[in-house]
Amino acid sequence: MNLAVIETGGKQYLVSPDSKIQVEKISGNAGDVVSLDKVLFKAGDSSVEVGKPFLKDAVVQAKILKQGRSKKILVFKYKAKSKYRRKQGHRQHYTELLITKI
């Protein structure tokens, strides 16, 4: 079993080959192959490597499945007794990745 912990977009993800993840937007088109080089942890069949903070020469290959935008969230600011109300919507961009090789 191959596992790795990668960092992208300020967040950490536990990945294995053939797993799908949604990360913060990465530039590229659907079908492109990207290399994620911020690998914090890597575990193989009989070996475990931990980085301080990242592993040198460790790369996770991934294929971009699609670029998209998540569901809309509402940001509502309110202050009591002062008639202050602000309503704003936000849709976060994301990239869906298929991990191909660790």
PDB file of N, CA and C in Angstrom:
ATOM      1  N   MET A   1       0.841  -1.179   0.000  1.00  0.00           N
ATOM      2  CA  MET A   1       0.000   0.000   0.000  1.00  0.00           C
ATOM      3  C   MET A   1       0.886   1.243   0.000  1.00  0.00           C
ATOM      4  N   ASN A   2       0.695   2.092  -0.961  1.00  0.00           N
ATOM      5  CA  ASN A   2       1.438   3.338  -1.042  1.00  0.00           C
ATOM      6  C   ASN A   2       0.564   4.479  -0.542  1.00  0.00           C
ATOM      7  N   LEU A   3       1.095   5.262   0.369  1.00  0.00           N
ATOM      8  CA  LEU A   3       0.401   6.426   0.896  1.00  0.00           C
ATOM      9  C   LEU A   3       1.351   7.605   0.887  1.00  0.00           C
ATOM     10  N   ALA A   4       0.773   8.797   0.807  1.00  0.00           N
ATOM     11  CA  ALA A   4       1.575  10.007   0.901  1.00  0.00           C
ATOM     12  C   ALA A   4       0.704  11.118   1.461  1.00  0.00           C
ATOM     13  N   VAL A   5       1.342  12.042   2.162  1.00  0.00           N
ATOM     14  CA  VAL A   5       0.669  13.251   2.616  1.00  0.00           C
ATOM     15  C   VAL A   5       1.294  14.393   1.833  1.00  0.00           C
ATOM     16  N   ILE A   6       0.440  15.115   1.090  1.00  0.00           N
ATOM     17  CA  ILE A   6       0.931  16.231   0.285  1.00  0.00           C
ATOM     18  C   ILE A   6       0.325  17.520   0.801  1.00  0.00           C
ATOM     19  N   GLU A   7       0.987  18.618   0.475  1.00  0.00           N
ATOM     20  CA  GLU A   7       0.466  19.933   0.849  1.00  0.00           C
ATOM     21  C   GLU A   7       0.268  20.740  -0.418  1.00  0.00           C
ATOM     22  N   THR A   8      -0.917  21.315  -0.574  1.00  0.00           N
ATOM     23  CA  THR A   8      -1.206  22.212  -1.685  1.00  0.00           C
ATOM     24  C   THR A   8      -2.340  23.138  -1.273  1.00  0.00           C
ATOM     25  N   GLY A   9      -2.199  24.385  -1.610  1.00  0.00           N
ATOM     26  CA  GLY A   9      -3.226  25.362  -1.267  1.00  0.00           C
ATOM     27  C   GLY A   9      -3.339  25.620   0.222  1.00  0.00           C
ATOM     28  N   GLY A  10      -2.261  25.376   0.982  1.00  0.00           N
ATOM     29  CA  GLY A  10      -2.291  25.603   2.416  1.00  0.00           C
ATOM     30  C   GLY A  10      -2.971  24.500   3.210  1.00  0.00           C
ATOM     31  N   LYS A  11      -3.331  23.412   2.548  1.00  0.00           N
ATOM     32  CA  LYS A  11      -3.993  22.296   3.225  1.00  0.00           C
ATOM     33  C   LYS A  11      -3.199  21.020   2.959  1.00  0.00           C
ATOM     34  N   GLN A  12      -3.393  20.016   3.813  1.00  0.00           N
ATOM     35  CA  GLN A  12      -2.700  18.742   3.665  1.00  0.00           C
ATOM     36  C   GLN A  12      -3.709  17.657   3.313  1.00  0.00           C
ATOM     37  N   TYR A  13      -3.308  16.751   2.425  1.00  0.00           N
ATOM     38  CA  TYR A  13      -4.181  15.686   1.948  1.00  0.00           C
ATOM     39  C   TYR A  13      -3.453  14.356   2.028  1.00  0.00           C
ATOM     40  N   LEU A  14      -4.150  13.316   2.509  1.00  0.00           N
ATOM     41  CA  LEU A  14      -3.631  11.956   2.507  1.00  0.00           C
ATOM     42  C   LEU A  14      -4.089  11.304   1.208  1.00  0.00           C
ATOM     43  N   VAL A  15      -3.137  10.876   0.381  1.00  0.00           N
ATOM     44  CA  VAL A  15      -3.476  10.348  -0.935  1.00  0.00           C
ATOM     45  C   VAL A  15      -2.864   8.974  -1.134  1.00  0.00           C
ATOM     46  N   SER A  16      -3.471   8.230  -2.037  1.00  0.00           N
ATOM     47  CA  SER A  16      -2.953   6.944  -2.485  1.00  0.00           C
ATOM     48  C   SER A  16      -3.211   6.873  -3.992  1.00  0.00           C
ATOM     49  N   PRO A  17      -2.531   5.970  -4.705  1.00  0.00           N
ATOM     50  CA  PRO A  17      -2.753   5.880  -6.149  1.00  0.00           C
ATOM     51  C   PRO A  17      -4.222   5.586  -6.471  1.00  0.00           C
ATOM     52  N   ASP A  18      -4.717   6.188  -7.536  1.00  0.00           N
ATOM     53  CA  ASP A  18      -6.098   6.061  -8.032  1.00  0.00           C
ATOM     54  C   ASP A  18      -7.126   6.699  -7.111  1.00  0.00           C
ATOM     55  N   SER A  19      -6.710   7.633  -6.236  1.00  0.00           N
ATOM     56  CA  SER A  19      -7.680   8.350  -5.414  1.00  0.00           C
ATOM     57  C   SER A  19      -7.952   9.713  -6.038  1.00  0.00           C
ATOM     58  N   LYS A  20      -9.176  10.210  -5.828  1.00  0.00           N
ATOM     59  CA  LYS A  20      -9.577  11.510  -6.345  1.00  0.00           C
ATOM     60  C   LYS A  20      -9.664  12.492  -5.182  1.00  0.00           C
ATOM     61  N   ILE A  21      -9.128  13.699  -5.397  1.00  0.00           N
ATOM     62  CA  ILE A  21      -9.211  14.740  -4.374  1.00  0.00           C
ATOM     63  C   ILE A  21      -9.563  16.065  -5.033  1.00  0.00           C
ATOM     64  N   GLN A  22     -10.184  16.939  -4.253  1.00  0.00           N
ATOM     65  CA  GLN A  22     -10.459  18.304  -4.696  1.00  0.00           C
ATOM     66  C   GLN A  22      -9.556  19.229  -3.914  1.00  0.00           C
ATOM     67  N   VAL A  23      -8.760  20.017  -4.631  1.00  0.00           N
ATOM     68  CA  VAL A  23      -7.809  20.929  -4.003  1.00  0.00           C
ATOM     69  C   VAL A  23      -8.102  22.343  -4.464  1.00  0.00           C
ATOM     70  N   GLU A  24      -7.445  23.317  -3.830  1.00  0.00           N
ATOM     71  CA  GLU A  24      -7.544  24.701  -4.285  1.00  0.00           C
ATOM     72  C   GLU A  24      -7.065  24.768  -5.734  1.00  0.00           C
ATOM     73  N   LYS A  25      -7.542  25.742  -6.467  1.00  0.00           N
ATOM     74  CA  LYS A  25      -7.283  25.826  -7.903  1.00  0.00           C
ATOM     75  C   LYS A  25      -5.799  25.779  -8.244  1.00  0.00           C
ATOM     76  N   ILE A  26      -5.474  24.877  -9.174  1.00  0.00           N
ATOM     77  CA  ILE A  26      -4.137  24.754  -9.743  1.00  0.00           C
ATOM     78  C   ILE A  26      -4.273  25.084 -11.229  1.00  0.00           C
ATOM     79  N   SER A  27      -3.356  25.865 -11.761  1.00  0.00           N
ATOM     80  CA  SER A  27      -3.457  26.234 -13.169  1.00  0.00           C
ATOM     81  C   SER A  27      -3.209  25.017 -14.054  1.00  0.00           C
ATOM     82  N   GLY A  28      -3.982  24.921 -15.112  1.00  0.00           N
ATOM     83  CA  GLY A  28      -3.878  23.810 -16.053  1.00  0.00           C
ATOM     84  C   GLY A  28      -5.249  23.466 -16.593  1.00  0.00           C
ATOM     85  N   ASN A  29      -5.260  22.648 -17.633  1.00  0.00           N
ATOM     86  CA  ASN A  29      -6.513  22.230 -18.253  1.00  0.00           C
ATOM     87  C   ASN A  29      -6.790  20.769 -17.929  1.00  0.00           C
ATOM     88  N   ALA A  30      -8.028  20.346 -18.178  1.00  0.00           N
ATOM     89  CA  ALA A  30      -8.402  18.957 -17.939  1.00  0.00           C
ATOM     90  C   ALA A  30      -7.539  18.053 -18.820  1.00  0.00           C
ATOM     91  N   GLY A  31      -6.995  17.003 -18.228  1.00  0.00           N
ATOM     92  CA  GLY A  31      -6.131  16.082 -18.941  1.00  0.00           C
ATOM     93  C   GLY A  31      -4.655  16.338 -18.732  1.00  0.00           C
ATOM     94  N   ASP A  32      -4.291  17.512 -18.212  1.00  0.00           N
ATOM     95  CA  ASP A  32      -2.884  17.818 -17.952  1.00  0.00           C
ATOM     96  C   ASP A  32      -2.375  17.004 -16.765  1.00  0.00           C
ATOM     97  N   VAL A  33      -1.078  16.741 -16.766  1.00  0.00           N
ATOM     98  CA  VAL A  33      -0.430  16.035 -15.662  1.00  0.00           C
ATOM     99  C   VAL A  33       0.354  17.063 -14.854  1.00  0.00           C
ATOM    100  N   VAL A  34       0.159  17.057 -13.537  1.00  0.00           N
ATOM    101  CA  VAL A  34       0.864  17.987 -12.661  1.00  0.00           C
ATOM    102  C   VAL A  34       1.719  17.199 -11.671  1.00  0.00           C
ATOM    103  N   SER A  35       2.789  17.833 -11.224  1.00  0.00           N
ATOM    104  CA  SER A  35       3.680  17.234 -10.231  1.00  0.00           C
ATOM    105  C   SER A  35       3.531  18.007  -8.934  1.00  0.00           C
ATOM    106  N   LEU A  36       3.214  17.310  -7.861  1.00  0.00           N
ATOM    107  CA  LEU A  36       3.086  17.915  -6.545  1.00  0.00           C
ATOM    108  C   LEU A  36       4.330  17.538  -5.755  1.00  0.00           C
ATOM    109  N   ASP A  37       5.185  18.532  -5.494  1.00  0.00           N
ATOM    110  CA  ASP A  37       6.477  18.228  -4.894  1.00  0.00           C
ATOM    111  C   ASP A  37       6.542  18.506  -3.399  1.00  0.00           C
ATOM    112  N   LYS A  38       5.497  19.043  -2.807  1.00  0.00           N
ATOM    113  CA  LYS A  38       5.497  19.278  -1.361  1.00  0.00           C
ATOM    114  C   LYS A  38       4.945  18.031  -0.665  1.00  0.00           C
ATOM    115  N   VAL A  39       5.793  17.036  -0.533  1.00  0.00           N
ATOM    116  CA  VAL A  39       5.418  15.759   0.076  1.00  0.00           C
ATOM    117  C   VAL A  39       5.955  15.746   1.501  1.00  0.00           C
ATOM    118  N   LEU A  40       5.058  15.589   2.483  1.00  0.00           N
ATOM    119  CA  LEU A  40       5.447  15.592   3.887  1.00  0.00           C
ATOM    120  C   LEU A  40       5.724  14.194   4.426  1.00  0.00           C
ATOM    121  N   PHE A  41       5.066  13.182   3.845  1.00  0.00           N
ATOM    122  CA  PHE A  41       5.131  11.818   4.373  1.00  0.00           C
ATOM    123  C   PHE A  41       4.931  10.859   3.216  1.00  0.00           C
ATOM    124  N   LYS A  42       5.671   9.754   3.243  1.00  0.00           N
ATOM    125  CA  LYS A  42       5.543   8.756   2.192  1.00  0.00           C
ATOM    126  C   LYS A  42       5.720   7.382   2.816  1.00  0.00           C
ATOM    127  N   ALA A  43       4.777   6.481   2.543  1.00  0.00           N
ATOM    128  CA  ALA A  43       4.846   5.126   3.076  1.00  0.00           C
ATOM    129  C   ALA A  43       4.675   4.141   1.940  1.00  0.00           C
ATOM    130  N   GLY A  44       5.611   3.217   1.836  1.00  0.00           N
ATOM    131  CA  GLY A  44       5.542   2.166   0.838  1.00  0.00           C
ATOM    132  C   GLY A  44       5.155   0.859   1.485  1.00  0.00           C
ATOM    133  N   ASP A  45       5.470  -0.245   0.818  1.00  0.00           N
ATOM    134  CA  ASP A  45       5.137  -1.562   1.357  1.00  0.00           C
ATOM    135  C   ASP A  45       5.924  -1.866   2.624  1.00  0.00           C
ATOM    136  N   SER A  46       7.205  -1.477   2.644  1.00  0.00           N
ATOM    137  CA  SER A  46       8.016  -1.804   3.825  1.00  0.00           C
ATOM    138  C   SER A  46       8.809  -0.615   4.349  1.00  0.00           C
ATOM    139  N   SER A  47       8.605   0.568   3.747  1.00  0.00           N
ATOM    140  CA  SER A  47       9.389   1.715   4.186  1.00  0.00           C
ATOM    141  C   SER A  47       8.483   2.900   4.508  1.00  0.00           C
ATOM    142  N   VAL A  48       8.935   3.701   5.452  1.00  0.00           N
ATOM    143  CA  VAL A  48       8.222   4.913   5.836  1.00  0.00           C
ATOM    144  C   VAL A  48       9.229   6.054   5.865  1.00  0.00           C
ATOM    145  N   GLU A  49       8.882   7.166   5.205  1.00  0.00           N
ATOM    146  CA  GLU A  49       9.751   8.337   5.201  1.00  0.00           C
ATOM    147  C   GLU A  49       8.948   9.533   5.690  1.00  0.00           C
ATOM    148  N   VAL A  50       9.556  10.303   6.584  1.00  0.00           N
ATOM    149  CA  VAL A  50       8.921  11.502   7.113  1.00  0.00           C
ATOM    150  C   VAL A  50       9.835  12.680   6.812  1.00  0.00           C
ATOM    151  N   GLY A  51       9.277  13.749   6.260  1.00  0.00           N
ATOM    152  CA  GLY A  51      10.075  14.913   5.905  1.00  0.00           C
ATOM    153  C   GLY A  51      10.185  15.902   7.040  1.00  0.00           C
ATOM    154  N   LYS A  52      11.157  16.811   6.911  1.00  0.00           N
ATOM    155  CA  LYS A  52      11.370  17.844   7.924  1.00  0.00           C
ATOM    156  C   LYS A  52      11.498  19.193   7.243  1.00  0.00           C
ATOM    157  N   PRO A  53      10.494  19.886   6.797  1.00  0.00           N
ATOM    158  CA  PRO A  53       9.090  19.484   6.738  1.00  0.00           C
ATOM    159  C   PRO A  53       8.748  18.707   5.475  1.00  0.00           C
ATOM    160  N   PHE A  54       9.557  18.850   4.387  1.00  0.00           N
ATOM    161  CA  PHE A  54       9.240  18.147   3.143  1.00  0.00           C
ATOM    162  C   PHE A  54      10.338  17.139   2.810  1.00  0.00           C
ATOM    163  N   LEU A  55       9.949  16.120   2.039  1.00  0.00           N
ATOM    164  CA  LEU A  55      10.907  15.126   1.569  1.00  0.00           C
ATOM    165  C   LEU A  55      11.613  15.648   0.327  1.00  0.00           C
ATOM    166  N   LYS A  56      12.913  15.429   0.248  1.00  0.00           N
ATOM    167  CA  LYS A  56      13.661  15.809  -0.946  1.00  0.00           C
ATOM    168  C   LYS A  56      13.465  14.733  -2.008  1.00  0.00           C
ATOM    169  N   ASP A  57      13.344  15.148  -3.242  1.00  0.00           N
ATOM    170  CA  ASP A  57      13.227  14.250  -4.404  1.00  0.00           C
ATOM    171  C   ASP A  57      11.998  13.352  -4.361  1.00  0.00           C
ATOM    172  N   ALA A  58      10.958  13.741  -3.630  1.00  0.00           N
ATOM    173  CA  ALA A  58       9.709  12.983  -3.618  1.00  0.00           C
ATOM    174  C   ALA A  58       8.664  13.779  -4.391  1.00  0.00           C
ATOM    175  N   VAL A  59       8.011  13.112  -5.339  1.00  0.00           N
ATOM    176  CA  VAL A  59       7.039  13.777  -6.197  1.00  0.00           C
ATOM    177  C   VAL A  59       5.809  12.895  -6.319  1.00  0.00           C
ATOM    178  N   VAL A  60       4.641  13.517  -6.269  1.00  0.00           N
ATOM    179  CA  VAL A  60       3.385  12.821  -6.507  1.00  0.00           C
ATOM    180  C   VAL A  60       2.846  13.322  -7.843  1.00  0.00           C
ATOM    181  N   GLN A  61       2.583  12.400  -8.760  1.00  0.00           N
ATOM    182  CA  GLN A  61       2.036  12.750 -10.072  1.00  0.00           C
ATOM    183  C   GLN A  61       0.519  12.673 -10.015  1.00  0.00           C
ATOM    184  N   ALA A  62      -0.150  13.662 -10.617  1.00  0.00           N
ATOM    185  CA  ALA A  62      -1.603  13.678 -10.637  1.00  0.00           C
ATOM    186  C   ALA A  62      -2.091  14.178 -11.981  1.00  0.00           C
ATOM    187  N   LYS A  63      -3.285  13.747 -12.357  1.00  0.00           N
ATOM    188  CA  LYS A  63      -3.910  14.163 -13.607  1.00  0.00           C
ATOM    189  C   LYS A  63      -5.104  15.042 -13.263  1.00  0.00           C
ATOM    190  N   ILE A  64      -5.221  16.176 -13.945  1.00  0.00           N
ATOM    191  CA  ILE A  64      -6.347  17.082 -13.694  1.00  0.00           C
ATOM    192  C   ILE A  64      -7.581  16.505 -14.374  1.00  0.00           C
ATOM    193  N   LEU A  65      -8.621  16.234 -13.587  1.00  0.00           N
ATOM    194  CA  LEU A  65      -9.869  15.727 -14.140  1.00  0.00           C
ATOM    195  C   LEU A  65     -10.774  16.873 -14.584  1.00  0.00           C
ATOM    196  N   LYS A  66     -10.903  17.899 -13.730  1.00  0.00           N
ATOM    197  CA  LYS A  66     -11.726  19.046 -14.118  1.00  0.00           C
ATOM    198  C   LYS A  66     -11.413  20.247 -13.246  1.00  0.00           C
ATOM    199  N   GLN A  67     -11.715  21.406 -13.784  1.00  0.00           N
ATOM    200  CA  GLN A  67     -11.661  22.661 -13.044  1.00  0.00           C
ATOM    201  C   GLN A  67     -13.108  23.046 -12.765  1.00  0.00           C
ATOM    202  N   GLY A  68     -13.407  23.508 -11.574  1.00  0.00           N
ATOM    203  CA  GLY A  68     -14.795  23.836 -11.275  1.00  0.00           C
ATOM    204  C   GLY A  68     -14.921  24.852 -10.170  1.00  0.00           C
ATOM    205  N   ARG A  69     -16.170  25.108  -9.812  1.00  0.00           N
ATOM    206  CA  ARG A  69     -16.474  26.013  -8.715  1.00  0.00           C
ATOM    207  C   ARG A  69     -17.443  25.300  -7.782  1.00  0.00           C
ATOM    208  N   SER A  70     -17.203  25.421  -6.491  1.00  0.00           N
ATOM    209  CA  SER A  70     -18.048  24.728  -5.514  1.00  0.00           C
ATOM    210  C   SER A  70     -19.357  25.481  -5.322  1.00  0.00           C
ATOM    211  N   LYS A  71     -20.206  24.948  -4.459  1.00  0.00           N
ATOM    212  CA  LYS A  71     -21.501  25.558  -4.202  1.00  0.00           C
ATOM    213  C   LYS A  71     -21.341  26.933  -3.574  1.00  0.00           C
ATOM    214  N   LYS A  72     -22.337  27.774  -3.785  1.00  0.00           N
ATOM    215  CA  LYS A  72     -22.293  29.126  -3.251  1.00  0.00           C
ATOM    216  C   LYS A  72     -22.535  29.105  -1.743  1.00  0.00           C
ATOM    217  N   ILE A  73     -21.717  29.885  -1.041  1.00  0.00           N
ATOM    218  CA  ILE A  73     -21.957  30.091   0.383  1.00  0.00           C
ATOM    219  C   ILE A  73     -22.334  31.554   0.582  1.00  0.00           C
ATOM    220  N   LEU A  74     -23.099  31.833   1.610  1.00  0.00           N
ATOM    221  CA  LEU A  74     -23.498  33.198   1.904  1.00  0.00           C
ATOM    222  C   LEU A  74     -22.686  33.724   3.076  1.00  0.00           C
ATOM    223  N   VAL A  75     -22.163  34.917   2.915  1.00  0.00           N
ATOM    224  CA  VAL A  75     -21.439  35.602   3.974  1.00  0.00           C
ATOM    225  C   VAL A  75     -22.347  36.737   4.416  1.00  0.00           C
ATOM    226  N   PHE A  76     -22.826  36.682   5.650  1.00  0.00           N
ATOM    227  CA  PHE A  76     -23.772  37.677   6.146  1.00  0.00           C
ATOM    228  C   PHE A  76     -23.210  38.311   7.403  1.00  0.00           C
ATOM    229  N   LYS A  77     -22.991  39.622   7.330  1.00  0.00           N
ATOM    230  CA  LYS A  77     -22.497  40.368   8.484  1.00  0.00           C
ATOM    231  C   LYS A  77     -23.660  41.133   9.078  1.00  0.00           C
ATOM    232  N   TYR A  78     -23.730  41.168  10.413  1.00  0.00           N
ATOM    233  CA  TYR A  78     -24.875  41.768  11.085  1.00  0.00           C
ATOM    234  C   TYR A  78     -24.425  42.341  12.414  1.00  0.00           C
ATOM    235  N   LYS A  79     -24.856  43.564  12.690  1.00  0.00           N
ATOM    236  CA  LYS A  79     -24.611  44.161  14.004  1.00  0.00           C
ATOM    237  C   LYS A  79     -25.951  44.584  14.574  1.00  0.00           C
ATOM    238  N   ALA A  80     -26.214  44.143  15.771  1.00  0.00           N
ATOM    239  CA  ALA A  80     -27.504  44.411  16.397  1.00  0.00           C
ATOM    240  C   ALA A  80     -27.665  45.900  16.705  1.00  0.00           C
ATOM    241  N   LYS A  81     -28.870  46.385  16.589  1.00  0.00           N
ATOM    242  CA  LYS A  81     -29.299  47.734  16.996  1.00  0.00           C
ATOM    243  C   LYS A  81     -28.635  48.856  16.214  1.00  0.00           C
ATOM    244  N   SER A  82     -28.002  48.563  15.084  1.00  0.00           N
ATOM    245  CA  SER A  82     -27.376  49.653  14.341  1.00  0.00           C
ATOM    246  C   SER A  82     -27.721  49.627  12.854  1.00  0.00           C
ATOM    247  N   LYS A  83     -28.651  48.775  12.460  1.00  0.00           N
ATOM    248  CA  LYS A  83     -29.111  48.661  11.066  1.00  0.00           C
ATOM    249  C   LYS A  83     -27.962  48.357  10.099  1.00  0.00           C
ATOM    250  N   TYR A  84     -26.980  47.574  10.549  1.00  0.00           N
ATOM    251  CA  TYR A  84     -25.854  47.202   9.702  1.00  0.00           C
ATOM    252  C   TYR A  84     -26.038  45.768   9.253  1.00  0.00           C
ATOM    253  N   ARG A  85     -26.199  45.603   7.947  1.00  0.00           N
ATOM    254  CA  ARG A  85     -26.349  44.276   7.364  1.00  0.00           C
ATOM    255  C   ARG A  85     -25.620  44.256   6.023  1.00  0.00           C
ATOM    256  N   ARG A  86     -24.809  43.234   5.800  1.00  0.00           N
ATOM    257  CA  ARG A  86     -24.122  43.059   4.519  1.00  0.00           C
ATOM    258  C   ARG A  86     -24.266  41.596   4.110  1.00  0.00           C
ATOM    259  N   LYS A  87     -24.752  41.384   2.905  1.00  0.00           N
ATOM    260  CA  LYS A  87     -24.925  40.033   2.390  1.00  0.00           C
ATOM    261  C   LYS A  87     -24.047  39.886   1.152  1.00  0.00           C
ATOM    262  N   GLN A  88     -23.269  38.810   1.130  1.00  0.00           N
ATOM    263  CA  GLN A  88     -22.348  38.580   0.027  1.00  0.00           C
ATOM    264  C   GLN A  88     -22.281  37.092  -0.248  1.00  0.00           C
ATOM    265  N   GLY A  89     -22.188  36.716  -1.512  1.00  0.00           N
ATOM    266  CA  GLY A  89     -22.043  35.314  -1.891  1.00  0.00           C
ATOM    267  C   GLY A  89     -20.621  35.027  -2.344  1.00  0.00           C
ATOM    268  N   HIS A  90     -20.227  33.749  -2.282  1.00  0.00           N
ATOM    269  CA  HIS A  90     -18.874  33.363  -2.686  1.00  0.00           C
ATOM    270  C   HIS A  90     -18.895  31.946  -3.219  1.00  0.00           C
ATOM    271  N   ARG A  91     -18.215  31.729  -4.349  1.00  0.00           N
ATOM    272  CA  ARG A  91     -18.029  30.392  -4.902  1.00  0.00           C
ATOM    273  C   ARG A  91     -16.534  30.163  -5.063  1.00  0.00           C
ATOM    274  N   GLN A  92     -16.014  29.153  -4.379  1.00  0.00           N
ATOM    275  CA  GLN A  92     -14.586  28.866  -4.388  1.00  0.00           C
ATOM    276  C   GLN A  92     -14.218  28.031  -5.621  1.00  0.00           C
ATOM    277  N   HIS A  93     -13.144  28.399  -6.289  1.00  0.00           N
ATOM    278  CA  HIS A  93     -12.626  27.619  -7.411  1.00  0.00           C
ATOM    279  C   HIS A  93     -11.876  26.403  -6.874  1.00  0.00           C
ATOM    280  N   TYR A  94     -11.982  25.274  -7.585  1.00  0.00           N
ATOM    281  CA  TYR A  94     -11.259  24.076  -7.175  1.00  0.00           C
ATOM    282  C   TYR A  94     -10.772  23.315  -8.397  1.00  0.00           C
ATOM    283  N   THR A  95      -9.849  22.407  -8.161  1.00  0.00           N
ATOM    284  CA  THR A  95      -9.332  21.515  -9.190  1.00  0.00           C
ATOM    285  C   THR A  95      -9.508  20.090  -8.681  1.00  0.00           C
ATOM    286  N   GLU A  96     -10.101  19.228  -9.484  1.00  0.00           N
ATOM    287  CA  GLU A  96     -10.245  17.833  -9.101  1.00  0.00           C
ATOM    288  C   GLU A  96      -9.091  17.046  -9.712  1.00  0.00           C
ATOM    289  N   LEU A  97      -8.366  16.312  -8.865  1.00  0.00           N
ATOM    290  CA  LEU A  97      -7.177  15.575  -9.287  1.00  0.00           C
ATOM    291  C   LEU A  97      -7.370  14.078  -9.130  1.00  0.00           C
ATOM    292  N   LEU A  98      -6.775  13.321 -10.021  1.00  0.00           N
ATOM    293  CA  LEU A  98      -6.676  11.871  -9.901  1.00  0.00           C
ATOM    294  C   LEU A  98      -5.205  11.550  -9.678  1.00  0.00           C
ATOM    295  N   ILE A  99      -4.882  10.972  -8.523  1.00  0.00           N
ATOM    296  CA  ILE A  99      -3.494  10.644  -8.194  1.00  0.00           C
ATOM    297  C   ILE A  99      -3.095   9.421  -9.013  1.00  0.00           C
ATOM    298  N   THR A 100      -2.036   9.564  -9.801  1.00  0.00           N
ATOM    299  CA  THR A 100      -1.617   8.466 -10.668  1.00  0.00           C
ATOM    300  C   THR A 100      -0.390   7.731 -10.144  1.00  0.00           C
ATOM    301  N   LYS A 101       0.565   8.465  -9.546  1.00  0.00           N
ATOM    302  CA  LYS A 101       1.816   7.813  -9.139  1.00  0.00           C
ATOM    303  C   LYS A 101       2.398   8.511  -7.933  1.00  0.00           C
ATOM    304  N   ILE A 102       2.894   7.716  -6.986  1.00  0.00           N
ATOM    305  CA  ILE A 102       3.562   8.277  -5.805  1.00  0.00           C
ATOM    306  C   ILE A 102       5.029   7.893  -5.868  1.00  0.00           C
TER     307      ILE A 102
END
